[in-house]
Amino acid sequence: MDRRISCSSENCGFFVQVCRRRRADQTYGNWYISSLHLEHVNCISSAAPTRRQIQDLATFRSAVHAFEETSAATLIAQVQEREGISLSKKRRTVYRA
């Protein structure tokens, strides 16, 4: 079983190929990286972090721990300023995080 994770930009060559071997007892083992190309050349795509990735951002964590009632708009602005990641289209995800 294998999966290919690639960039959404058409001209970008970034990819990570991961595989998992099937065991004799018909279960699957651990994932491992079989090949990769980590450079985003001619890339015009933007980051689209998941809820977990947003939660793991240092800026996001420190803002929420400092003041739990921080608004989503404030969190989005702080992440944009400090991390350079736009979360303006992820407002609902920011609320859930």
PDB file of N, CA and C in Angstrom:
ATOM      1  N   MET A   1       0.858  -1.159   0.000  1.00  0.00           N
ATOM      2  CA  MET A   1       0.000   0.000   0.000  1.00  0.00           C
ATOM      3  C   MET A   1       0.909   1.228   0.000  1.00  0.00           C
ATOM      4  N   ASP A   2       0.619   2.183  -0.865  1.00  0.00           N
ATOM      5  CA  ASP A   2       1.442   3.382  -0.881  1.00  0.00           C
ATOM      6  C   ASP A   2       0.593   4.618  -1.129  1.00  0.00           C
ATOM      7  N   ARG A   3       1.146   5.750  -0.754  1.00  0.00           N
ATOM      8  CA  ARG A   3       0.480   7.047  -0.905  1.00  0.00           C
ATOM      9  C   ARG A   3       1.503   8.047  -1.415  1.00  0.00           C
ATOM     10  N   ARG A   4       1.044   8.983  -2.206  1.00  0.00           N
ATOM     11  CA  ARG A   4       1.906  10.058  -2.696  1.00  0.00           C
ATOM     12  C   ARG A   4       1.301  11.375  -2.242  1.00  0.00           C
ATOM     13  N   ILE A   5       2.073  12.126  -1.496  1.00  0.00           N
ATOM     14  CA  ILE A   5       1.659  13.436  -1.006  1.00  0.00           C
ATOM     15  C   ILE A   5       2.399  14.457  -1.853  1.00  0.00           C
ATOM     16  N   SER A   6       1.647  15.322  -2.536  1.00  0.00           N
ATOM     17  CA  SER A   6       2.296  16.275  -3.430  1.00  0.00           C
ATOM     18  C   SER A   6       1.710  17.665  -3.254  1.00  0.00           C
ATOM     19  N   CYS A   7       2.406  18.637  -3.799  1.00  0.00           N
ATOM     20  CA  CYS A   7       1.980  20.034  -3.737  1.00  0.00           C
ATOM     21  C   CYS A   7       0.829  20.250  -4.717  1.00  0.00           C
ATOM     22  N   SER A   8      -0.084  21.141  -4.377  1.00  0.00           N
ATOM     23  CA  SER A   8      -1.233  21.408  -5.240  1.00  0.00           C
ATOM     24  C   SER A   8      -0.902  22.331  -6.406  1.00  0.00           C
ATOM     25  N   SER A   9       0.246  22.970  -6.378  1.00  0.00           N
ATOM     26  CA  SER A   9       0.658  23.849  -7.469  1.00  0.00           C
ATOM     27  C   SER A   9       1.056  23.007  -8.683  1.00  0.00           C
ATOM     28  N   GLU A  10       0.606  23.416  -9.852  1.00  0.00           N
ATOM     29  CA  GLU A  10       0.802  22.620 -11.063  1.00  0.00           C
ATOM     30  C   GLU A  10       2.273  22.434 -11.438  1.00  0.00           C
ATOM     31  N   ASN A  11       3.077  23.470 -11.315  1.00  0.00           N
ATOM     32  CA  ASN A  11       4.473  23.411 -11.748  1.00  0.00           C
ATOM     33  C   ASN A  11       5.453  23.018 -10.649  1.00  0.00           C
ATOM     34  N   CYS A  12       4.967  22.705  -9.477  1.00  0.00           N
ATOM     35  CA  CYS A  12       5.833  22.383  -8.346  1.00  0.00           C
ATOM     36  C   CYS A  12       6.138  20.885  -8.325  1.00  0.00           C
ATOM     37  N   GLY A  13       7.393  20.544  -8.102  1.00  0.00           N
ATOM     38  CA  GLY A  13       7.809  19.150  -8.095  1.00  0.00           C
ATOM     39  C   GLY A  13       7.841  18.501  -6.727  1.00  0.00           C
ATOM     40  N   PHE A  14       7.372  19.199  -5.684  1.00  0.00           N
ATOM     41  CA  PHE A  14       7.409  18.663  -4.323  1.00  0.00           C
ATOM     42  C   PHE A  14       6.535  17.411  -4.221  1.00  0.00           C
ATOM     43  N   PHE A  15       7.090  16.349  -3.618  1.00  0.00           N
ATOM     44  CA  PHE A  15       6.292  15.166  -3.309  1.00  0.00           C
ATOM     45  C   PHE A  15       6.990  14.330  -2.243  1.00  0.00           C
ATOM     46  N   VAL A  16       6.201  13.527  -1.553  1.00  0.00           N
ATOM     47  CA  VAL A  16       6.704  12.527  -0.612  1.00  0.00           C
ATOM     48  C   VAL A  16       5.921  11.249  -0.898  1.00  0.00           C
ATOM     49  N   GLN A  17       6.643  10.173  -1.198  1.00  0.00           N
ATOM     50  CA  GLN A  17       6.029   8.875  -1.464  1.00  0.00           C
ATOM     51  C   GLN A  17       6.213   8.015  -0.218  1.00  0.00           C
ATOM     52  N   VAL A  18       5.117   7.555   0.378  1.00  0.00           N
ATOM     53  CA  VAL A  18       5.192   6.706   1.568  1.00  0.00           C
ATOM     54  C   VAL A  18       4.564   5.348   1.265  1.00  0.00           C
ATOM     55  N   CYS A  19       5.106   4.313   1.879  1.00  0.00           N
ATOM     56  CA  CYS A  19       4.640   2.943   1.633  1.00  0.00           C
ATOM     57  C   CYS A  19       4.447   2.193   2.943  1.00  0.00           C
ATOM     58  N   ARG A  20       3.682   1.130   2.830  1.00  0.00           N
ATOM     59  CA  ARG A  20       3.443   0.235   3.948  1.00  0.00           C
ATOM     60  C   ARG A  20       3.394  -1.190   3.408  1.00  0.00           C
ATOM     61  N   ARG A  21       4.115  -2.082   4.023  1.00  0.00           N
ATOM     62  CA  ARG A  21       4.129  -3.467   3.556  1.00  0.00           C
ATOM     63  C   ARG A  21       3.035  -4.280   4.241  1.00  0.00           C
ATOM     64  N   ARG A  22       2.471  -5.198   3.479  1.00  0.00           N
ATOM     65  CA  ARG A  22       1.465  -6.096   4.032  1.00  0.00           C
ATOM     66  C   ARG A  22       2.169  -7.282   4.685  1.00  0.00           C
ATOM     67  N   ARG A  23       1.749  -7.593   5.874  1.00  0.00           N
ATOM     68  CA  ARG A  23       2.350  -8.705   6.617  1.00  0.00           C
ATOM     69  C   ARG A  23       1.669 -10.020   6.251  1.00  0.00           C
ATOM     70  N   ALA A  24       2.272 -11.112   6.692  1.00  0.00           N
ATOM     71  CA  ALA A  24       1.723 -12.441   6.417  1.00  0.00           C
ATOM     72  C   ALA A  24       0.351 -12.631   7.065  1.00  0.00           C
ATOM     73  N   ASP A  25       0.113 -11.967   8.192  1.00  0.00           N
ATOM     74  CA  ASP A  25      -1.172 -12.113   8.883  1.00  0.00           C
ATOM     75  C   ASP A  25      -2.233 -11.146   8.339  1.00  0.00           C
ATOM     76  N   GLN A  26      -2.013 -10.616   7.132  1.00  0.00           N
ATOM     77  CA  GLN A  26      -2.946  -9.737   6.425  1.00  0.00           C
ATOM     78  C   GLN A  26      -3.150  -8.374   7.085  1.00  0.00           C
ATOM     79  N   THR A  27      -2.223  -7.968   7.934  1.00  0.00           N
ATOM     80  CA  THR A  27      -2.257  -6.620   8.501  1.00  0.00           C
ATOM     81  C   THR A  27      -1.134  -5.808   7.868  1.00  0.00           C
ATOM     82  N   TYR A  28      -1.135  -4.526   8.124  1.00  0.00           N
ATOM     83  CA  TYR A  28      -0.114  -3.651   7.557  1.00  0.00           C
ATOM     84  C   TYR A  28       0.865  -3.202   8.625  1.00  0.00           C
ATOM     85  N   GLY A  29       2.120  -3.027   8.223  1.00  0.00           N
ATOM     86  CA  GLY A  29       3.163  -2.561   9.122  1.00  0.00           C
ATOM     87  C   GLY A  29       3.197  -1.045   9.192  1.00  0.00           C
ATOM     88  N   ASN A  30       4.313  -0.512   9.657  1.00  0.00           N
ATOM     89  CA  ASN A  30       4.493   0.934   9.789  1.00  0.00           C
ATOM     90  C   ASN A  30       4.718   1.577   8.429  1.00  0.00           C
ATOM     91  N   TRP A  31       4.381   2.866   8.343  1.00  0.00           N
ATOM     92  CA  TRP A  31       4.654   3.641   7.134  1.00  0.00           C
ATOM     93  C   TRP A  31       6.136   3.967   7.073  1.00  0.00           C
ATOM     94  N   TYR A  32       6.695   4.009   5.886  1.00  0.00           N
ATOM     95  CA  TYR A  32       8.064   4.474   5.692  1.00  0.00           C
ATOM     96  C   TYR A  32       8.128   5.279   4.394  1.00  0.00           C
ATOM     97  N   ILE A  33       9.091   6.186   4.315  1.00  0.00           N
ATOM     98  CA  ILE A  33       9.253   7.040   3.141  1.00  0.00           C
ATOM     99  C   ILE A  33      10.069   6.281   2.103  1.00  0.00           C
ATOM    100  N   SER A  34       9.510   6.139   0.908  1.00  0.00           N
ATOM    101  CA  SER A  34      10.226   5.422  -0.150  1.00  0.00           C
ATOM    102  C   SER A  34      10.959   6.375  -1.088  1.00  0.00           C
ATOM    103  N   SER A  35      10.415   7.561  -1.324  1.00  0.00           N
ATOM    104  CA  SER A  35      11.103   8.569  -2.134  1.00  0.00           C
ATOM    105  C   SER A  35      10.516   9.935  -1.827  1.00  0.00           C
ATOM    106  N   LEU A  36      11.292  10.976  -2.138  1.00  0.00           N
ATOM    107  CA  LEU A  36      10.817  12.330  -1.875  1.00  0.00           C
ATOM    108  C   LEU A  36      11.597  13.353  -2.675  1.00  0.00           C
ATOM    109  N   HIS A  37      10.976  14.500  -2.860  1.00  0.00           N
ATOM    110  CA  HIS A  37      11.613  15.678  -3.458  1.00  0.00           C
ATOM    111  C   HIS A  37      11.044  16.860  -2.684  1.00  0.00           C
ATOM    112  N   LEU A  38      11.848  17.469  -1.822  1.00  0.00           N
ATOM    113  CA  LEU A  38      11.350  18.444  -0.858  1.00  0.00           C
ATOM    114  C   LEU A  38      11.438  19.899  -1.297  1.00  0.00           C
ATOM    115  N   GLU A  39      11.862  20.171  -2.511  1.00  0.00           N
ATOM    116  CA  GLU A  39      11.989  21.560  -2.953  1.00  0.00           C
ATOM    117  C   GLU A  39      10.722  22.026  -3.667  1.00  0.00           C
ATOM    118  N   HIS A  40      10.228  23.187  -3.266  1.00  0.00           N
ATOM    119  CA  HIS A  40       9.075  23.811  -3.920  1.00  0.00           C
ATOM    120  C   HIS A  40       9.604  24.788  -4.968  1.00  0.00           C
ATOM    121  N   VAL A  41       9.865  24.310  -6.173  1.00  0.00           N
ATOM    122  CA  VAL A  41      10.388  25.136  -7.253  1.00  0.00           C
ATOM    123  C   VAL A  41       9.219  25.621  -8.111  1.00  0.00           C
ATOM    124  N   ASN A  42       9.191  26.923  -8.423  1.00  0.00           N
ATOM    125  CA  ASN A  42       8.109  27.529  -9.210  1.00  0.00           C
ATOM    126  C   ASN A  42       6.745  27.302  -8.567  1.00  0.00           C
ATOM    127  N   CYS A  43       6.700  27.321  -7.262  1.00  0.00           N
ATOM    128  CA  CYS A  43       5.480  27.030  -6.521  1.00  0.00           C
ATOM    129  C   CYS A  43       4.692  28.310  -6.260  1.00  0.00           C
ATOM    130  N   ILE A  44       3.396  28.282  -6.571  1.00  0.00           N
ATOM    131  CA  ILE A  44       2.540  29.444  -6.318  1.00  0.00           C
ATOM    132  C   ILE A  44       1.407  29.108  -5.352  1.00  0.00           C
ATOM    133  N   SER A  45       1.449  27.928  -4.764  1.00  0.00           N
ATOM    134  CA  SER A  45       0.392  27.541  -3.832  1.00  0.00           C
ATOM    135  C   SER A  45       0.623  28.178  -2.466  1.00  0.00           C
ATOM    136  N   SER A  46      -0.395  28.127  -1.620  1.00  0.00           N
ATOM    137  CA  SER A  46      -0.281  28.674  -0.271  1.00  0.00           C
ATOM    138  C   SER A  46      -0.581  27.576   0.747  1.00  0.00           C
ATOM    139  N   ALA A  47      -0.104  27.768   1.953  1.00  0.00           N
ATOM    140  CA  ALA A  47      -0.290  26.774   3.012  1.00  0.00           C
ATOM    141  C   ALA A  47      -1.760  26.654   3.391  1.00  0.00           C
ATOM    142  N   ALA A  48      -2.204  25.430   3.650  1.00  0.00           N
ATOM    143  CA  ALA A  48      -3.564  25.164   4.100  1.00  0.00           C
ATOM    144  C   ALA A  48      -3.478  24.221   5.298  1.00  0.00           C
ATOM    145  N   PRO A  49      -3.081  24.742   6.466  1.00  0.00           N
ATOM    146  CA  PRO A  49      -2.861  23.873   7.623  1.00  0.00           C
ATOM    147  C   PRO A  49      -4.154  23.261   8.163  1.00  0.00           C
ATOM    148  N   THR A  50      -4.024  22.079   8.738  1.00  0.00           N
ATOM    149  CA  THR A  50      -5.146  21.405   9.374  1.00  0.00           C
ATOM    150  C   THR A  50      -5.347  21.975  10.783  1.00  0.00           C
ATOM    151  N   ARG A  51      -6.406  21.539  11.446  1.00  0.00           N
ATOM    152  CA  ARG A  51      -6.681  22.007  12.806  1.00  0.00           C
ATOM    153  C   ARG A  51      -5.520  21.674  13.737  1.00  0.00           C
ATOM    154  N   ARG A  52      -5.001  20.470  13.637  1.00  0.00           N
ATOM    155  CA  ARG A  52      -3.890  20.052  14.495  1.00  0.00           C
ATOM    156  C   ARG A  52      -2.637  20.882  14.226  1.00  0.00           C
ATOM    157  N   GLN A  53      -2.364  21.171  12.959  1.00  0.00           N
ATOM    158  CA  GLN A  53      -1.195  21.980  12.620  1.00  0.00           C
ATOM    159  C   GLN A  53      -1.355  23.406  13.131  1.00  0.00           C
ATOM    160  N   ILE A  54      -2.577  23.938  13.091  1.00  0.00           N
ATOM    161  CA  ILE A  54      -2.832  25.278  13.631  1.00  0.00           C
ATOM    162  C   ILE A  54      -2.602  25.277  15.135  1.00  0.00           C
ATOM    163  N   GLN A  55      -3.092  24.250  15.813  1.00  0.00           N
ATOM    164  CA  GLN A  55      -2.902  24.144  17.262  1.00  0.00           C
ATOM    165  C   GLN A  55      -1.428  24.067  17.633  1.00  0.00           C
ATOM    166  N   ASP A  56      -0.612  23.489  16.789  1.00  0.00           N
ATOM    167  CA  ASP A  56       0.814  23.317  17.075  1.00  0.00           C
ATOM    168  C   ASP A  56       1.659  24.547  16.777  1.00  0.00           C
ATOM    169  N   LEU A  57       1.085  25.567  16.151  1.00  0.00           N
ATOM    170  CA  LEU A  57       1.836  26.796  15.884  1.00  0.00           C
ATOM    171  C   LEU A  57       2.155  27.498  17.201  1.00  0.00           C
ATOM    172  N   ALA A  58       3.404  27.870  17.390  1.00  0.00           N
ATOM    173  CA  ALA A  58       3.829  28.520  18.634  1.00  0.00           C
ATOM    174  C   ALA A  58       3.064  29.817  18.877  1.00  0.00           C
ATOM    175  N   THR A  59       2.842  30.596  17.834  1.00  0.00           N
ATOM    176  CA  THR A  59       2.108  31.859  17.959  1.00  0.00           C
ATOM    177  C   THR A  59       0.688  31.612  18.431  1.00  0.00           C
ATOM    178  N   PHE A  60       0.031  30.618  17.857  1.00  0.00           N
ATOM    179  CA  PHE A  60      -1.348  30.292  18.215  1.00  0.00           C
ATOM    180  C   PHE A  60      -1.435  29.843  19.672  1.00  0.00           C
ATOM    181  N   ARG A  61      -0.552  28.920  20.066  1.00  0.00           N
ATOM    182  CA  ARG A  61      -0.563  28.415  21.446  1.00  0.00           C
ATOM    183  C   ARG A  61      -0.325  29.518  22.460  1.00  0.00           C
ATOM    184  N   SER A  62       0.670  30.369  22.210  1.00  0.00           N
ATOM    185  CA  SER A  62       0.986  31.418  23.185  1.00  0.00           C
ATOM    186  C   SER A  62      -0.144  32.432  23.295  1.00  0.00           C
ATOM    187  N   ALA A  63      -0.804  32.752  22.188  1.00  0.00           N
ATOM    188  CA  ALA A  63      -1.915  33.710  22.224  1.00  0.00           C
ATOM    189  C   ALA A  63      -3.102  33.145  22.996  1.00  0.00           C
ATOM    190  N   VAL A  64      -3.406  31.874  22.794  1.00  0.00           N
ATOM    191  CA  VAL A  64      -4.543  31.255  23.487  1.00  0.00           C
ATOM    192  C   VAL A  64      -4.242  31.071  24.970  1.00  0.00           C
ATOM    193  N   HIS A  65      -3.018  30.684  25.317  1.00  0.00           N
ATOM    194  CA  HIS A  65      -2.661  30.500  26.727  1.00  0.00           C
ATOM    195  C   HIS A  65      -2.617  31.827  27.477  1.00  0.00           C
ATOM    196  N   ALA A  66      -2.244  32.894  26.793  1.00  0.00           N
ATOM    197  CA  ALA A  66      -2.177  34.202  27.442  1.00  0.00           C
ATOM    198  C   ALA A  66      -3.572  34.726  27.765  1.00  0.00           C
ATOM    199  N   PHE A  67      -4.512  34.518  26.834  1.00  0.00           N
ATOM    200  CA  PHE A  67      -5.870  35.017  27.040  1.00  0.00           C
ATOM    201  C   PHE A  67      -6.830  34.096  26.300  1.00  0.00           C
ATOM    202  N   GLU A  68      -7.544  33.247  27.038  1.00  0.00           N
ATOM    203  CA  GLU A  68      -8.393  32.222  26.429  1.00  0.00           C
ATOM    204  C   GLU A  68      -9.555  32.779  25.618  1.00  0.00           C
ATOM    205  N   GLU A  69      -9.965  33.997  25.877  1.00  0.00           N
ATOM    206  CA  GLU A  69     -11.094  34.597  25.167  1.00  0.00           C
ATOM    207  C   GLU A  69     -10.662  35.376  23.926  1.00  0.00           C
ATOM    208  N   THR A  70      -9.471  35.109  23.411  1.00  0.00           N
ATOM    209  CA  THR A  70      -8.972  35.786  22.220  1.00  0.00           C
ATOM    210  C   THR A  70      -9.873  35.463  21.036  1.00  0.00           C
ATOM    211  N   SER A  71     -10.230  36.478  20.259  1.00  0.00           N
ATOM    212  CA  SER A  71     -11.114  36.270  19.112  1.00  0.00           C
ATOM    213  C   SER A  71     -10.367  35.597  17.967  1.00  0.00           C
ATOM    214  N   ALA A  72     -11.128  34.959  17.085  1.00  0.00           N
ATOM    215  CA  ALA A  72     -10.531  34.298  15.926  1.00  0.00           C
ATOM    216  C   ALA A  72      -9.835  35.310  15.030  1.00  0.00           C
ATOM    217  N   ALA A  73     -10.417  36.487  14.877  1.00  0.00           N
ATOM    218  CA  ALA A  73      -9.814  37.524  14.032  1.00  0.00           C
ATOM    219  C   ALA A  73      -8.444  37.936  14.566  1.00  0.00           C
ATOM    220  N   THR A  74      -8.327  38.054  15.880  1.00  0.00           N
ATOM    221  CA  THR A  74      -7.044  38.408  16.491  1.00  0.00           C
ATOM    222  C   THR A  74      -6.020  37.297  16.285  1.00  0.00           C
ATOM    223  N   LEU A  75      -6.442  36.051  16.469  1.00  0.00           N
ATOM    224  CA  LEU A  75      -5.540  34.915  16.262  1.00  0.00           C
ATOM    225  C   LEU A  75      -5.067  34.845  14.811  1.00  0.00           C
ATOM    226  N   ILE A  76      -5.991  35.051  13.881  1.00  0.00           N
ATOM    227  CA  ILE A  76      -5.653  35.020  12.455  1.00  0.00           C
ATOM    228  C   ILE A  76      -4.635  36.104  12.131  1.00  0.00           C
ATOM    229  N   ALA A  77      -4.845  37.303  12.669  1.00  0.00           N
ATOM    230  CA  ALA A  77      -3.925  38.416  12.419  1.00  0.00           C
ATOM    231  C   ALA A  77      -2.538  38.138  12.998  1.00  0.00           C
ATOM    232  N   GLN A  78      -2.485  37.584  14.210  1.00  0.00           N
ATOM    233  CA  GLN A  78      -1.194  37.290  14.837  1.00  0.00           C
ATOM    234  C   GLN A  78      -0.423  36.211  14.080  1.00  0.00           C
ATOM    235  N   VAL A  79      -1.114  35.165  13.646  1.00  0.00           N
ATOM    236  CA  VAL A  79      -0.452  34.095  12.893  1.00  0.00           C
ATOM    237  C   VAL A  79       0.050  34.629  11.552  1.00  0.00           C
ATOM    238  N   GLN A  80      -0.745  35.478  10.905  1.00  0.00           N
ATOM    239  CA  GLN A  80      -0.328  36.072   9.630  1.00  0.00           C
ATOM    240  C   GLN A  80       0.933  36.913   9.814  1.00  0.00           C
ATOM    241  N   GLU A  81       0.946  37.703  10.886  1.00  0.00           N
ATOM    242  CA  GLU A  81       2.073  38.606  11.135  1.00  0.00           C
ATOM    243  C   GLU A  81       3.351  37.855  11.506  1.00  0.00           C
ATOM    244  N   ARG A  82       3.239  36.879  12.410  1.00  0.00           N
ATOM    245  CA  ARG A  82       4.434  36.218  12.944  1.00  0.00           C
ATOM    246  C   ARG A  82       4.880  34.990  12.158  1.00  0.00           C
ATOM    247  N   GLU A  83       3.933  34.222  11.651  1.00  0.00           N
ATOM    248  CA  GLU A  83       4.275  32.970  10.961  1.00  0.00           C
ATOM    249  C   GLU A  83       4.247  33.116   9.441  1.00  0.00           C
ATOM    250  N   GLY A  84       3.546  34.149   8.946  1.00  0.00           N
ATOM    251  CA  GLY A  84       3.430  34.339   7.504  1.00  0.00           C
ATOM    252  C   GLY A  84       2.438  33.395   6.848  1.00  0.00           C
ATOM    253  N   ILE A  85       1.525  32.833   7.643  1.00  0.00           N
ATOM    254  CA  ILE A  85       0.523  31.897   7.135  1.00  0.00           C
ATOM    255  C   ILE A  85      -0.841  32.563   7.212  1.00  0.00           C
ATOM    256  N   SER A  86      -1.535  32.624   6.083  1.00  0.00           N
ATOM    257  CA  SER A  86      -2.854  33.239   6.053  1.00  0.00           C
ATOM    258  C   SER A  86      -3.917  32.215   6.450  1.00  0.00           C
ATOM    259  N   LEU A  87      -4.655  32.526   7.500  1.00  0.00           N
ATOM    260  CA  LEU A  87      -5.746  31.662   7.953  1.00  0.00           C
ATOM    261  C   LEU A  87      -7.102  32.312   7.698  1.00  0.00           C
ATOM    262  N   SER A  88      -7.133  33.336   6.854  1.00  0.00           N
ATOM    263  CA  SER A  88      -8.374  34.077   6.629  1.00  0.00           C
ATOM    264  C   SER A  88      -9.481  33.191   6.056  1.00  0.00           C
ATOM    265  N   LYS A  89      -9.137  32.177   5.291  1.00  0.00           N
ATOM    266  CA  LYS A  89     -10.140  31.260   4.737  1.00  0.00           C
ATOM    267  C   LYS A  89     -10.383  30.067   5.651  1.00  0.00           C
ATOM    268  N   LYS A  90      -9.750  30.052   6.805  1.00  0.00           N
ATOM    269  CA  LYS A  90      -9.865  28.945   7.754  1.00  0.00           C
ATOM    270  C   LYS A  90     -10.452  29.403   9.089  1.00  0.00           C
ATOM    271  N   ARG A  91     -11.288  30.415   9.060  1.00  0.00           N
ATOM    272  CA  ARG A  91     -11.857  30.969  10.289  1.00  0.00           C
ATOM    273  C   ARG A  91     -12.586  29.902  11.110  1.00  0.00           C
ATOM    274  N   ARG A  92     -13.364  29.062  10.473  1.00  0.00           N
ATOM    275  CA  ARG A  92     -14.105  28.017  11.183  1.00  0.00           C
ATOM    276  C   ARG A  92     -13.143  27.034  11.862  1.00  0.00           C
ATOM    277  N   THR A  93     -12.061  26.693  11.176  1.00  0.00           N
ATOM    278  CA  THR A  93     -11.049  25.796  11.742  1.00  0.00           C
ATOM    279  C   THR A  93     -10.360  26.443  12.933  1.00  0.00           C
ATOM    280  N   VAL A  94     -10.110  27.748  12.856  1.00  0.00           N
ATOM    281  CA  VAL A  94      -9.486  28.473  13.970  1.00  0.00           C
ATOM    282  C   VAL A  94     -10.406  28.439  15.185  1.00  0.00           C
ATOM    283  N   TYR A  95     -11.713  28.611  14.993  1.00  0.00           N
ATOM    284  CA  TYR A  95     -12.660  28.522  16.110  1.00  0.00           C
ATOM    285  C   TYR A  95     -12.604  27.142  16.759  1.00  0.00           C
ATOM    286  N   ARG A  96     -12.514  26.098  15.951  1.00  0.00           N
ATOM    287  CA  ARG A  96     -12.495  24.731  16.475  1.00  0.00           C
ATOM    288  C   ARG A  96     -11.180  24.372  17.151  1.00  0.00           C
ATOM    289  N   ALA A  97     -10.108  25.011  16.706  1.00  0.00           N
ATOM    290  CA  ALA A  97      -8.793  24.717  17.281  1.00  0.00           C
ATOM    291  C   ALA A  97      -8.737  25.273  18.688  1.00  0.00           C
TER     292      ALA A  97
END
